[in-house]
C-alpha atoms as a PDB file:
ATOM      1  CA  MET A   1     115.602  94.017  97.195  1.00  0.00           C
ATOM      2  CA  ASP A   2     113.519  90.901  96.520  1.00  0.00           C
ATOM      3  CA  LEU A   3     110.333  92.203  94.953  1.00  0.00           C
ATOM      4  CA  LEU A   4     108.668  88.782  95.215  1.00  0.00           C
ATOM      5  CA  ASP A   5     109.270  88.392  98.969  1.00  0.00           C
ATOM      6  CA  SER A   6     105.776  88.552 100.438  1.00  0.00           C
ATOM      7  CA  GLY A   7     106.739  87.168 103.839  1.00  0.00           C
ATOM      8  CA  ASN A   8     104.005  84.878 105.116  1.00  0.00           C
ATOM      9  CA  VAL A   9     101.412  86.253 102.669  1.00  0.00           C
ATOM     10  CA  LYS A  10     100.223  83.829  99.980  1.00  0.00           C
ATOM     11  CA  ASN A  11     101.197  85.605  96.772  1.00  0.00           C
ATOM     12  CA  ARG A  12      99.257  83.949  93.960  1.00  0.00           C
ATOM     13  CA  VAL A  13      96.926  84.550  91.033  1.00  0.00           C
ATOM     14  CA  LYS A  14      93.376  84.125  92.313  1.00  0.00           C
ATOM     15  CA  LEU A  15      91.061  81.692  90.529  1.00  0.00           C
ATOM     16  CA  ARG A  16      88.277  84.282  90.603  1.00  0.00           C
ATOM     17  CA  SER A  17      90.464  86.782  88.719  1.00  0.00           C
ATOM     18  CA  VAL A  18      91.167  84.213  85.999  1.00  0.00           C
ATOM     19  CA  ALA A  19      87.505  83.267  85.723  1.00  0.00           C
ATOM     20  CA  VAL A  20      86.263  86.856  85.471  1.00  0.00           C
ATOM     21  CA  ALA A  21      88.918  87.854  82.923  1.00  0.00           C
ATOM     22  CA  THR A  22      88.174  84.751  80.825  1.00  0.00           C
ATOM     23  CA  LEU A  23      84.425  85.448  80.842  1.00  0.00           C
ATOM     24  CA  ILE A  24      84.915  89.093  79.851  1.00  0.00           C
ATOM     25  CA  HIS A  25      87.300  88.335  76.987  1.00  0.00           C
ATOM     26  CA  LEU A  26      85.245  85.443  75.627  1.00  0.00           C
ATOM     27  CA  SER A  27      82.153  87.637  75.609  1.00  0.00           C
ATOM     28  CA  LEU A  28      84.047  90.471  73.925  1.00  0.00           C
ATOM     29  CA  ALA A  29      85.532  88.081  71.376  1.00  0.00           C
ATOM     30  CA  ALA A  30      82.050  86.913  70.419  1.00  0.00           C
ATOM     31  CA  PHE A  31      81.036  90.482  69.575  1.00  0.00           C
ATOM     32  CA  THR A  32      84.264  91.347  67.735  1.00  0.00           C
ATOM     33  CA  LEU A  33      84.661  88.040  65.854  1.00  0.00           C
ATOM     34  CA  GLY A  34      87.922  87.339  67.682  1.00  0.00           C
ATOM     35  CA  LEU A  35      89.574  90.683  66.912  1.00  0.00           C
ATOM     36  CA  SER A  36      89.702  91.607  70.607  1.00  0.00           C
ATOM     37  CA  LEU A  37      91.745  88.465  71.352  1.00  0.00           C
ATOM     38  CA  LEU A  38      94.321  89.477  68.759  1.00  0.00           C
ATOM     39  CA  LEU A  39      94.576  92.962  70.273  1.00  0.00           C
ATOM     40  CA  LEU A  40      94.820  91.408  73.741  1.00  0.00           C
ATOM     41  CA  LEU A  41      97.696  89.237  72.575  1.00  0.00           C
ATOM     42  CA  ILE A  42      99.548  92.294  71.244  1.00  0.00           C
ATOM     43  CA  PHE A  43      98.873  94.645  74.161  1.00  0.00           C
ATOM     44  CA  GLY A  44      99.298  91.890  76.759  1.00  0.00           C
ATOM     45  CA  THR A  45     102.662  90.821  75.360  1.00  0.00           C
ATOM     46  CA  LEU A  46     103.922  94.417  75.303  1.00  0.00           C
ATOM     47  CA  THR A  47     102.637  95.067  78.821  1.00  0.00           C
ATOM     48  CA  ALA A  48     104.259  91.926  80.216  1.00  0.00           C
ATOM     49  CA  SER A  49     107.576  92.776  78.556  1.00  0.00           C
ATOM     50  CA  PHE A  50     107.545  96.306  80.019  1.00  0.00           C
ATOM     51  CA  ILE A  51     106.731  94.934  83.479  1.00  0.00           C
ATOM     52  CA  ASN A  52     109.547  92.383  83.267  1.00  0.00           C
ATOM     53  CA  ARG A  53     112.003  95.062  82.170  1.00  0.00           C
ATOM     54  CA  GLU A  54     111.048  97.356  85.052  1.00  0.00           C
ATOM     55  CA  THR A  55     111.276  94.444  87.499  1.00  0.00           C
ATOM     56  CA  ARG A  56     114.762  93.498  86.307  1.00  0.00           C
ATOM     57  CA  HIS A  57     115.909  97.096  86.625  1.00  0.00           C
ATOM     58  CA  ALA A  58     114.482  97.463  90.133  1.00  0.00           C
ATOM     59  CA  THR A  59     116.070  94.234  91.387  1.00  0.00           C
ATOM     60  CA  ALA A  60     119.453  94.911  89.765  1.00  0.00           C
ATOM     61  CA  SER A  61     120.236  97.684  92.300  1.00  0.00           C
ATOM     62  CA  SER A  62     121.703  99.770  89.489  1.00  0.00           C
ATOM     63  CA  ASN A  63     120.506 102.991  91.192  1.00  0.00           C
ATOM     64  CA  THR A  64     119.811 104.711  87.901  1.00  0.00           C
ATOM     65  CA  PHE A  65     116.635 106.370  86.648  1.00  0.00           C
ATOM     66  CA  LYS A  66     115.437 108.554  83.825  1.00  0.00           C
ATOM     67  CA  LYS A  67     113.990 111.913  84.834  1.00  0.00           C
ATOM     68  CA  HIS A  68     111.492 110.718  87.461  1.00  0.00           C
ATOM     69  CA  PHE A  69     111.177 108.207  90.332  1.00  0.00           C
ATOM     70  CA  PRO A  70     114.774 108.181  91.651  1.00  0.00           C
ATOM     71  CA  PHE A  71     113.857 106.049  94.676  1.00  0.00           C
ATOM     72  CA  ASN A  72     111.560 103.627  92.884  1.00  0.00           C
ATOM     73  CA  SER A  73     113.689 100.576  93.681  1.00  0.00           C
ATOM     74  CA  TYR A  74     113.243 101.235  97.418  1.00  0.00           C
ATOM     75  CA  GLY A  75     109.475 101.649  97.342  1.00  0.00           C
ATOM     76  CA  GLN A  76     106.858 104.346  97.691  1.00  0.00           C
ATOM     77  CA  VAL A  77     107.762 107.623  99.402  1.00  0.00           C
ATOM     78  CA  PHE A  78     106.087 107.389 102.786  1.00  0.00           C
ATOM     79  CA  GLY A  79     107.083 110.682 104.359  1.00  0.00           C
ATOM     80  CA  SER A  80     109.623 113.306 103.338  1.00  0.00           C
ATOM     81  CA  PHE A  81     110.961 115.960 105.701  1.00  0.00           C
ATOM     82  CA  GLN A  82     113.523 118.711 105.449  1.00  0.00           C
ATOM     83  CA  HIS A  83     115.133 120.952 108.046  1.00  0.00           C
ATOM     84  CA  VAL A  84     117.074 124.087 107.109  1.00  0.00           C
ATOM     85  CA  PHE A  85     119.488 125.859 109.457  1.00  0.00           C
ATOM     86  CA  VAL A  86     122.344 128.382 109.298  1.00  0.00           C
ATOM     87  CA  HIS A  87     125.878 127.596 110.404  1.00  0.00           C
ATOM     88  CA  SER A  88     129.284 128.745 109.210  1.00  0.00           C
ATOM     89  CA  LYS A  89     130.742 125.224 109.406  1.00  0.00           C
ATOM     90  CA  ASN A  90     129.584 122.277 107.338  1.00  0.00           C
ATOM     91  CA  ILE A  91     128.395 119.674 109.850  1.00  0.00           C
ATOM     92  CA  GLU A  92     127.184 117.067 107.361  1.00  0.00           C
ATOM     93  CA  GLN A  93     129.542 114.290 108.481  1.00  0.00           C
ATOM     94  CA  SER A  94     128.977 114.808 112.192  1.00  0.00           C
ATOM     95  CA  MET A  95     125.212 114.886 111.592  1.00  0.00           C
ATOM     96  CA  PHE A  96     125.226 111.597 109.683  1.00  0.00           C
ATOM     97  CA  THR A  97     127.467 110.034 112.345  1.00  0.00           C
ATOM     98  CA  ALA A  98     125.038 111.128 115.070  1.00  0.00           C
ATOM     99  CA  ILE A  99     122.053 109.721 113.155  1.00  0.00           C
ATOM    100  CA  GLU A 100     123.834 106.426 112.552  1.00  0.00           C
ATOM    101  CA  SER A 101     124.767 106.138 116.216  1.00  0.00           C
ATOM    102  CA  GLU A 102     121.177 106.835 117.313  1.00  0.00           C
ATOM    103  CA  LEU A 103     119.720 104.300 114.864  1.00  0.00           C
ATOM    104  CA  ILE A 104     122.182 101.586 115.852  1.00  0.00           C
ATOM    105  CA  SER A 105     121.638 102.120 119.565  1.00  0.00           C
ATOM    106  CA  CYS A 106     117.832 102.367 119.412  1.00  0.00           C
ATOM    107  CA  THR A 107     116.727 100.202 116.460  1.00  0.00           C
ATOM    108  CA  PRO A 108     117.743  96.899 114.784  1.00  0.00           C
ATOM    109  CA  ILE A 109     119.356  98.928 111.957  1.00  0.00           C
ATOM    110  CA  LYS A 110     123.054  98.035 111.946  1.00  0.00           C
ATOM    111  CA  SER A 111     124.609 100.736 109.779  1.00  0.00           C
ATOM    112  CA  LEU A 112     124.168 103.474 107.212  1.00  0.00           C
ATOM    113  CA  GLU A 113     125.657 103.163 103.758  1.00  0.00           C
ATOM    114  CA  ARG A 114     126.404 105.672 101.026  1.00  0.00           C
ATOM    115  CA  VAL A 115     124.630 105.210  97.710  1.00  0.00           C
ATOM    116  CA  THR A 116     124.880 107.123  94.456  1.00  0.00           C
ATOM    117  CA  ILE A 117     121.701 107.539  92.423  1.00  0.00           C
ATOM    118  CA  THR A 118     122.169 108.703  88.849  1.00  0.00           C
ATOM    119  CA  ASP A 119     119.759 110.431  86.489  1.00  0.00           C
ATOM    120  CA  ILE A 120     120.536 109.063  83.024  1.00  0.00           C
ATOM    121  CA  ASP A 121     117.876 111.153  81.289  1.00  0.00           C
ATOM    122  CA  PRO A 122     118.819 111.060  77.566  1.00  0.00           C
ATOM    123  CA  ASP A 123     117.714 114.695  77.207  1.00  0.00           C
ATOM    124  CA  LEU A 124     120.574 115.806  79.475  1.00  0.00           C
ATOM    125  CA  THR A 125     123.999 116.609  78.048  1.00  0.00           C
ATOM    126  CA  ASP A 126     125.569 114.579  80.873  1.00  0.00           C
ATOM    127  CA  ILE A 127     124.452 112.257  83.642  1.00  0.00           C
ATOM    128  CA  ASP A 128     123.587 113.774  87.030  1.00  0.00           C
ATOM    129  CA  GLU A 129     124.863 111.917  90.105  1.00  0.00           C
ATOM    130  CA  ARG A 130     123.616 112.620  93.615  1.00  0.00           C
ATOM    131  CA  HIS A 131     124.878 111.025  96.821  1.00  0.00           C
ATOM    132  CA  PHE A 132     122.620 109.769  99.615  1.00  0.00           C
ATOM    133  CA  ILE A 133     122.845 107.885 102.889  1.00  0.00           C
ATOM    134  CA  LYS A 134     120.675 104.757 103.158  1.00  0.00           C
ATOM    135  CA  ALA A 135     119.511 102.545 106.017  1.00  0.00           C
ATOM    136  CA  SER A 136     117.183  99.560 105.685  1.00  0.00           C
ATOM    137  CA  SER A 137     114.944  97.868 108.214  1.00  0.00           C
ATOM    138  CA  THR A 138     114.066  94.196 108.483  1.00  0.00           C
ATOM    139  CA  PRO A 139     110.884  93.427 106.491  1.00  0.00           C
ATOM    140  CA  SER A 140     107.714  92.834 108.456  1.00  0.00           C
ATOM    141  CA  ALA A 141     106.164  89.364 108.617  1.00  0.00           C
ATOM    142  CA  ARG A 142     103.942  90.371 105.682  1.00  0.00           C
ATOM    143  CA  GLY A 143     106.747  91.476 103.374  1.00  0.00           C
ATOM    144  CA  THR A 144     106.813  95.239 104.034  1.00  0.00           C
ATOM    145  CA  ALA A 145     110.272  96.821 104.340  1.00  0.00           C
ATOM    146  CA  LEU A 146     111.169 100.408 105.233  1.00  0.00           C
ATOM    147  CA  THR A 147     114.165 102.288 103.835  1.00  0.00           C
ATOM    148  CA  LEU A 148     115.528 105.562 105.177  1.00  0.00           C
ATOM    149  CA  ILE A 149     117.215 107.876 102.648  1.00  0.00           C
ATOM    150  CA  LEU A 150     119.070 110.990 103.835  1.00  0.00           C
ATOM    151  CA  ASN A 151     120.870 113.745 101.986  1.00  0.00           C
ATOM    152  CA  GLN A 152     122.493 117.055 102.841  1.00  0.00           C
ATOM    153  CA  SER A 153     122.800 120.202 100.743  1.00  0.00           C
ATOM    154  CA  GLN A 154     124.251 123.668 101.262  1.00  0.00           C
ATOM    155  CA  PHE A 155     123.398 127.114  99.911  1.00  0.00           C
ATOM    156  CA  GLY A 156     125.955 129.565 101.257  1.00  0.00           C
ATOM    157  CA  GLN A 157     125.849 129.245 105.037  1.00  0.00           C
ATOM    158  CA  MET A 158     122.388 127.739 104.884  1.00  0.00           C
ATOM    159  CA  GLN A 159     122.411 123.971 105.253  1.00  0.00           C
ATOM    160  CA  SER A 160     119.670 121.436 104.744  1.00  0.00           C
ATOM    161  CA  ILE A 161     119.178 117.917 106.044  1.00  0.00           C
ATOM    162  CA  GLU A 162     116.449 116.023 104.219  1.00  0.00           C
ATOM    163  CA  TRP A 163     115.234 112.521 104.859  1.00  0.00           C
ATOM    164  CA  ARG A 164     112.492 110.339 103.508  1.00  0.00           C
ATOM    165  CA  VAL A 165     111.110 106.968 104.524  1.00  0.00           C
ATOM    166  CA  LEU A 166     110.123 104.626 101.730  1.00  0.00           C
ATOM    167  CA  CYS A 167     107.803 101.667 102.058  1.00  0.00           C
ATOM    168  CA  GLY A 168     108.678  98.715  99.871  1.00  0.00           C
ATOM    169  CA  GLY A 169     106.028  96.158  99.072  1.00  0.00           C
ATOM    170  CA  TYR A 170     106.139  93.088  96.859  1.00  0.00           C
ATOM    171  CA  ILE A 171     104.993  92.375  93.327  1.00  0.00           C
ATOM    172  CA  ASP A 172     101.459  91.050  93.669  1.00  0.00           C
ATOM    173  CA  LYS A 173     100.977  88.187  91.203  1.00  0.00           C
ATOM    174  CA  ASN A 174      97.227  88.763  91.126  1.00  0.00           C
ATOM    175  CA  LYS A 175      97.641  92.488  90.368  1.00  0.00           C
ATOM    176  CA  LYS A 176     100.182  91.653  87.682  1.00  0.00           C
ATOM    177  CA  PHE A 177      97.781  89.164  86.091  1.00  0.00           C
ATOM    178  CA  ASN A 178      94.919  91.675  86.092  1.00  0.00           C
ATOM    179  CA  PHE A 179      97.098  94.472  84.721  1.00  0.00           C
ATOM    180  CA  VAL A 180      98.139  92.290  81.780  1.00  0.00           C
ATOM    181  CA  ALA A 181      94.715  90.674  81.326  1.00  0.00           C
ATOM    182  CA  TYR A 182      92.972  94.049  81.034  1.00  0.00           C
ATOM    183  CA  SER A 183      95.720  95.769  79.046  1.00  0.00           C
ATOM    184  CA  LEU A 184      93.334  95.787  76.085  1.00  0.00           C
ATOM    185  CA  PHE A 185      91.411  98.547  77.876  1.00  0.00           C
ATOM    186  CA  SER A 186      94.258 100.440  79.575  1.00  0.00           C
ATOM    187  CA  PHE A 187      97.347 100.194  77.366  1.00  0.00           C
ATOM    188  CA  LEU A 188      96.662 103.250  75.198  1.00  0.00           C
ATOM    189  CA  PHE A 189      96.060 105.414  78.285  1.00  0.00           C
ATOM    190  CA  TRP A 190      99.404 104.795  79.974  1.00  0.00           C
ATOM    191  CA  ILE A 191     101.868 103.976  77.187  1.00  0.00           C
ATOM    192  CA  GLN A 192     102.578 107.597  76.214  1.00  0.00           C
ATOM    193  CA  PRO A 193     103.364 108.876  79.745  1.00  0.00           C
ATOM    194  CA  TYR A 194     105.360 105.671  80.327  1.00  0.00           C
ATOM    195  CA  ILE A 195     107.540 106.384  77.304  1.00  0.00           C
ATOM    196  CA  ARG A 196     108.046 109.930  78.632  1.00  0.00           C
ATOM    197  CA  ARG A 197     109.114 108.355  81.974  1.00  0.00           C
ATOM    198  CA  GLU A 198     106.223 110.063  83.767  1.00  0.00           C
ATOM    199  CA  TYR A 199     104.401 106.874  84.710  1.00  0.00           C
ATOM    200  CA  ASP A 200     105.592 104.431  87.351  1.00  0.00           C
ATOM    201  CA  LEU A 201     104.546 101.039  86.051  1.00  0.00           C
ATOM    202  CA  LEU A 202     105.644  98.998  89.067  1.00  0.00           C
ATOM    203  CA  THR A 203     103.278 100.811  91.422  1.00  0.00           C
ATOM    204  CA  LYS A 204     100.395  99.296  89.473  1.00  0.00           C
ATOM    205  CA  ILE A 205     101.409  95.758  90.405  1.00  0.00           C
ATOM    206  CA  LYS A 206     103.071  96.168  93.815  1.00  0.00           C
ATOM    207  CA  THR A 207     101.246  95.732  97.091  1.00  0.00           C
ATOM    208  CA  ILE A 208     101.814  96.753 100.673  1.00  0.00           C
ATOM    209  CA  TYR A 209      99.713  94.179 102.457  1.00  0.00           C
ATOM    210  CA  SER A 210      96.783  95.781 104.254  1.00  0.00           C
ATOM    211  CA  SER A 211      95.981  94.232 107.619  1.00  0.00           C
ATOM    212  CA  ALA A 212      95.647  95.380 111.214  1.00  0.00           C
ATOM    213  CA  TYR A 213      98.825  93.618 112.339  1.00  0.00           C
ATOM    214  CA  ASN A 214     100.892  94.782 109.366  1.00  0.00           C
ATOM    215  CA  ASP A 215      99.678  98.332 110.042  1.00  0.00           C
ATOM    216  CA  MET A 216     100.894  97.963 113.627  1.00  0.00           C
ATOM    217  CA  ASP A 217     104.295  96.681 112.512  1.00  0.00           C
ATOM    218  CA  VAL A 218     104.758  99.413 109.905  1.00  0.00           C
ATOM    219  CA  MET A 219     103.592 102.142 112.285  1.00  0.00           C
ATOM    220  CA  THR A 220     106.010 100.961 114.973  1.00  0.00           C
ATOM    221  CA  GLN A 221     108.965 100.937 112.595  1.00  0.00           C
ATOM    222  CA  ILE A 222     108.255 104.302 111.060  1.00  0.00           C
ATOM    223  CA  ARG A 223     107.698 105.967 114.439  1.00  0.00           C
ATOM    224  CA  CYS A 224     110.969 104.557 115.739  1.00  0.00           C
ATOM    225  CA  ILE A 225     112.967 105.595 112.666  1.00  0.00           C
ATOM    226  CA  HIS A 226     111.598 109.141 112.638  1.00  0.00           C
ATOM    227  CA  ASP A 227     112.041 109.507 116.381  1.00  0.00           C
ATOM    228  CA  ALA A 228     115.671 108.366 116.175  1.00  0.00           C
ATOM    229  CA  VAL A 229     116.465 110.771 113.333  1.00  0.00           C
ATOM    230  CA  PHE A 230     114.794 113.708 115.061  1.00  0.00           C
ATOM    231  CA  ASN A 231     116.524 113.004 118.378  1.00  0.00           C
ATOM    232  CA  ALA A 232     119.943 112.693 116.743  1.00  0.00           C
ATOM    233  CA  MET A 233     119.467 115.928 114.786  1.00  0.00           C
ATOM    234  CA  ILE A 234     118.289 117.864 117.828  1.00  0.00           C
ATOM    235  CA  LYS A 235     121.252 116.685 119.917  1.00  0.00           C
ATOM    236  CA  GLU A 236     123.800 117.405 117.187  1.00  0.00           C
ATOM    237  CA  LEU A 237     122.420 120.844 116.340  1.00  0.00           C
ATOM    238  CA  GLU A 238     122.365 121.832 120.003  1.00  0.00           C
ATOM    239  CA  LYS A 239     126.027 120.787 120.273  1.00  0.00           C
ATOM    240  CA  HIS A 240     126.758 123.470 117.687  1.00  0.00           C
ATOM    241  CA  ASP A 241     124.544 126.057 119.441  1.00  0.00           C
ATOM    242  CA  ILE A 242     121.958 125.990 116.652  1.00  0.00           C
ATOM    243  CA  ASP A 243     118.360 126.784 117.576  1.00  0.00           C
ATOM    244  CA  THR A 244     116.176 123.649 117.473  1.00  0.00           C
ATOM    245  CA  SER A 245     112.802 125.067 118.479  1.00  0.00           C
ATOM    246  CA  GLU A 246     111.367 124.734 114.966  1.00  0.00           C
ATOM    247  CA  LEU A 247     112.722 121.208 114.632  1.00  0.00           C
ATOM    248  CA  LYS A 248     111.158 120.193 117.943  1.00  0.00           C
ATOM    249  CA  ALA A 249     107.814 121.616 116.818  1.00  0.00           C
ATOM    250  CA  GLN A 250     108.104 119.739 113.536  1.00  0.00           C
ATOM    251  CA  LYS A 251     108.822 116.530 115.435  1.00  0.00           C
ATOM    252  CA  MET A 252     105.595 116.916 117.423  1.00  0.00           C
ATOM    253  CA  GLN A 253     103.617 117.261 114.201  1.00  0.00           C
ATOM    254  CA  VAL A 254     105.359 114.457 112.358  1.00  0.00           C
ATOM    255  CA  MET A 255     105.040 111.949 115.174  1.00  0.00           C
ATOM    256  CA  ASN A 256     101.263 112.254 114.954  1.00  0.00           C
ATOM    257  CA  ILE A 257     101.206 109.158 112.741  1.00  0.00           C
ATOM    258  CA  ASN A 258      98.233 106.914 112.242  1.00  0.00           C
ATOM    259  CA  VAL A 259      97.999 103.819 110.061  1.00  0.00           C
ATOM    260  CA  SER A 260      94.589 102.390 109.251  1.00  0.00           C
ATOM    261  CA  GLY A 261      93.682  99.893 106.574  1.00  0.00           C
ATOM    262  CA  GLY A 262      97.131 100.226 105.065  1.00  0.00           C
ATOM    263  CA  ARG A 263      96.764 104.013 104.709  1.00  0.00           C
ATOM    264  CA  VAL A 264      99.246 106.292 106.427  1.00  0.00           C
ATOM    265  CA  ASN A 265      98.417 109.692 107.908  1.00  0.00           C
ATOM    266  CA  MET A 266     101.282 111.622 109.436  1.00  0.00           C
ATOM    267  CA  GLY A 267     100.222 115.025 110.759  1.00  0.00           C
ATOM    268  CA  ASN A 268      99.464 118.226 108.859  1.00  0.00           C
ATOM    269  CA  VAL A 269     102.977 118.613 107.433  1.00  0.00           C
ATOM    270  CA  VAL A 270     102.599 115.630 105.106  1.00  0.00           C
ATOM    271  CA  GLN A 271     101.168 116.073 101.636  1.00  0.00           C
ATOM    272  CA  GLY A 272      98.045 114.177 100.708  1.00  0.00           C
ATOM    273  CA  ALA A 273      99.905 111.927  98.285  1.00  0.00           C
ATOM    274  CA  MET A 274     101.679 110.298 101.198  1.00  0.00           C
ATOM    275  CA  ASN A 275      98.397 108.706 102.265  1.00  0.00           C
ATOM    276  CA  LYS A 276      98.424 106.375  99.240  1.00  0.00           C
ATOM    277  CA  VAL A 277     100.845 103.840 100.606  1.00  0.00           C
ATOM    278  CA  SER A 278      98.793 100.658 100.577  1.00  0.00           C
ATOM    279  CA  ASN A 279      97.457 100.819  97.023  1.00  0.00           C
ATOM    280  CA  MET A 280     100.707 101.862  95.295  1.00  0.00           C
ATOM    281  CA  THR A 281      98.671 102.146  92.123  1.00  0.00           C
ATOM    282  CA  SER A 282      98.582 105.824  91.215  1.00  0.00           C
ATOM    283  CA  GLY A 283     101.746 106.087  89.112  1.00  0.00           C
ATOM    284  CA  VAL A 284     101.830 109.746  90.123  1.00  0.00           C
ATOM    285  CA  ARG A 285     105.096 111.608  89.868  1.00  0.00           C
ATOM    286  CA  LYS A 286     107.045 111.705  93.162  1.00  0.00           C
END
């Protein structure tokens, strides 16, 4: 994933941001006899190095993480849904085949691919690998791409199909500049949770462009992806004589999606954190 691909959006450091930051730091330097500039140099250099390291990791497609944020390289979790049913036979493969067929026939998505995402948490005695199915959409004109991640699990005869849609933005050069420029004031607040891998640094500098037309494009794609997944699941479950009444009710709730000002609201089954798509600045644990 190209984290600098902003589509037709001008991705640049704004002159106003440079002017304001310069004025603030010159004024502060006058009161601190230049000490603040030395601290800015130290904290700014460290901040920039951490950002560059996270960017390299996200673009390397290594599919590894430590403890938190397993899907960080694909973007911000946009909606996560799970359906549990009981059946004596494992129908994972037939379910994924049905979903792939529905997506290919109804959307521009060409195929699903298997990916392995590994938790390399140093506190574990061994790495933990989990397998997922991934499908990616074509980015919108303003650099917003959607990724569908599916996984299946089983607990006795109970089976679960879970899927999540992730919204991938681009690294905003202006946000990156401001984050480094004001690191003098913020560094000590986020460095400890970052070291504990409880702080997602990239969300502070990534942007999902907020505009009426981008909202329309994103809303169209997410509605189509969810609708295709729901339809495929309902058809496949009914083939195996599995009750789908709850799934159909869930579909009606989930498809109540609204996007406004870059914020996503998707019915009463979605947690409040899923409404923070456009800012991507919270760093909250997913």
